[in-house]
Protein backbone atom coordinates (compact mmCIF):
# COMPACT_ATOMS: atom_id res chain seq x y z
CA UNK A 1 -1.23 4.22 -7.40
CA UNK A 2 0.36 1.91 -9.93
CA UNK A 3 -2.72 2.08 -12.15
CA UNK A 4 -3.03 5.84 -12.69
CA UNK A 5 -5.83 6.80 -10.31
CA UNK A 6 -6.12 6.86 -6.52
CA UNK A 7 -8.20 4.14 -4.88
CA UNK A 8 -11.95 4.91 -4.94
CA UNK A 9 -11.51 7.89 -7.25
CA UNK A 10 -14.75 9.77 -7.73
CA UNK A 11 -15.41 13.33 -8.92
CA UNK A 12 -17.78 13.66 -5.98
CA UNK A 13 -15.32 14.22 -3.11
CA UNK A 14 -17.81 13.38 -0.40
CA UNK A 15 -18.52 10.02 -2.02
CA UNK A 16 -14.81 9.39 -2.55
CA UNK A 17 -14.05 10.03 1.16
CA UNK A 18 -16.97 7.81 2.19
CA UNK A 19 -15.79 5.00 -0.08
CA UNK A 20 -12.20 5.36 1.13
CA UNK A 21 -13.29 4.70 4.71
CA UNK A 22 -15.89 2.04 4.04
CA UNK A 23 -15.15 0.04 0.90
CA UNK A 24 -12.33 -2.41 0.30
CA UNK A 25 -9.96 -1.45 -2.50
CA UNK A 26 -10.15 -3.46 -5.70
CA UNK A 27 -6.61 -3.85 -7.05
CA UNK A 28 -6.69 -4.32 -10.84
CA UNK A 29 -3.14 -5.68 -10.98
CA UNK A 30 -2.41 -9.32 -11.63
CA UNK A 31 1.15 -9.58 -10.33
CA UNK A 32 1.01 -11.50 -7.07
CA UNK A 33 3.73 -9.52 -5.30
CA UNK A 34 2.42 -6.07 -6.28
CA UNK A 35 -1.17 -7.06 -5.57
CA UNK A 36 -0.18 -8.47 -2.19
CA UNK A 37 1.69 -5.27 -1.27
CA UNK A 38 -1.19 -3.00 -2.26
CA UNK A 39 -3.78 -5.22 -0.61
CA UNK A 40 -1.74 -5.13 2.59
CA UNK A 41 -1.17 -1.37 2.59
CA UNK A 42 -4.76 -0.50 1.70
CA UNK A 43 -6.57 -2.54 4.32
CA UNK A 44 -9.46 -0.59 5.89
CA UNK A 45 -8.85 -2.17 9.29
CA UNK A 46 -5.58 -0.70 10.64
CA UNK A 47 -5.08 -3.73 12.89
CA UNK A 48 -4.51 -6.00 9.87
CA UNK A 49 -2.83 -3.44 7.59
CA UNK A 50 0.72 -4.21 6.44
CA UNK A 51 3.04 -2.66 9.00
CA UNK A 52 0.61 -2.91 11.90
CA UNK A 53 2.51 -5.65 13.72
CA UNK A 54 6.19 -4.75 13.16
CA UNK A 55 5.91 -1.21 11.81
CA UNK A 56 8.08 -0.12 8.89
CA UNK A 57 10.20 -3.26 9.28
CA UNK A 58 7.24 -5.37 8.17
CA UNK A 59 6.78 -3.20 5.08
CA UNK A 60 10.50 -3.27 4.23
CA UNK A 61 10.52 -7.08 4.52
CA UNK A 62 7.75 -7.47 1.95
CA UNK A 63 8.92 -9.38 -1.18
CA UNK A 64 8.19 -6.32 -3.36
CA UNK A 65 11.24 -4.65 -1.79
CA UNK A 66 13.52 -7.72 -1.87
CA UNK A 67 16.11 -6.04 -4.14
CA UNK A 68 16.36 -2.86 -2.05
CA UNK A 69 19.54 -2.49 -0.02
CA UNK A 70 18.12 -0.34 2.78
CA UNK A 71 21.52 0.41 4.36
CA UNK A 72 22.95 1.61 1.04
CA UNK A 73 19.86 3.71 0.45
CA UNK A 74 20.12 5.25 3.91
CA UNK A 75 23.80 6.07 3.32
CA UNK A 76 22.82 8.15 0.25
CA UNK A 77 20.79 10.60 2.37
CA UNK A 78 22.25 14.12 2.46
């Protein structure tokens, strides 16, 4: 994502799909807020994934999006 390759990238597609479902994602980013967002979104277990308890509201409330005015953004839709 923010690092140039998808998580678990592998030229062997079968291995990549296996890893995607079974291995935790290693986030090579040091920024606490970005790392926290990616760690939350890329959890293997959907019950603990960011957004699992309050849906999109939980994602929108993450500190990474603190400067986003969601109402203004929604008003810009065609």
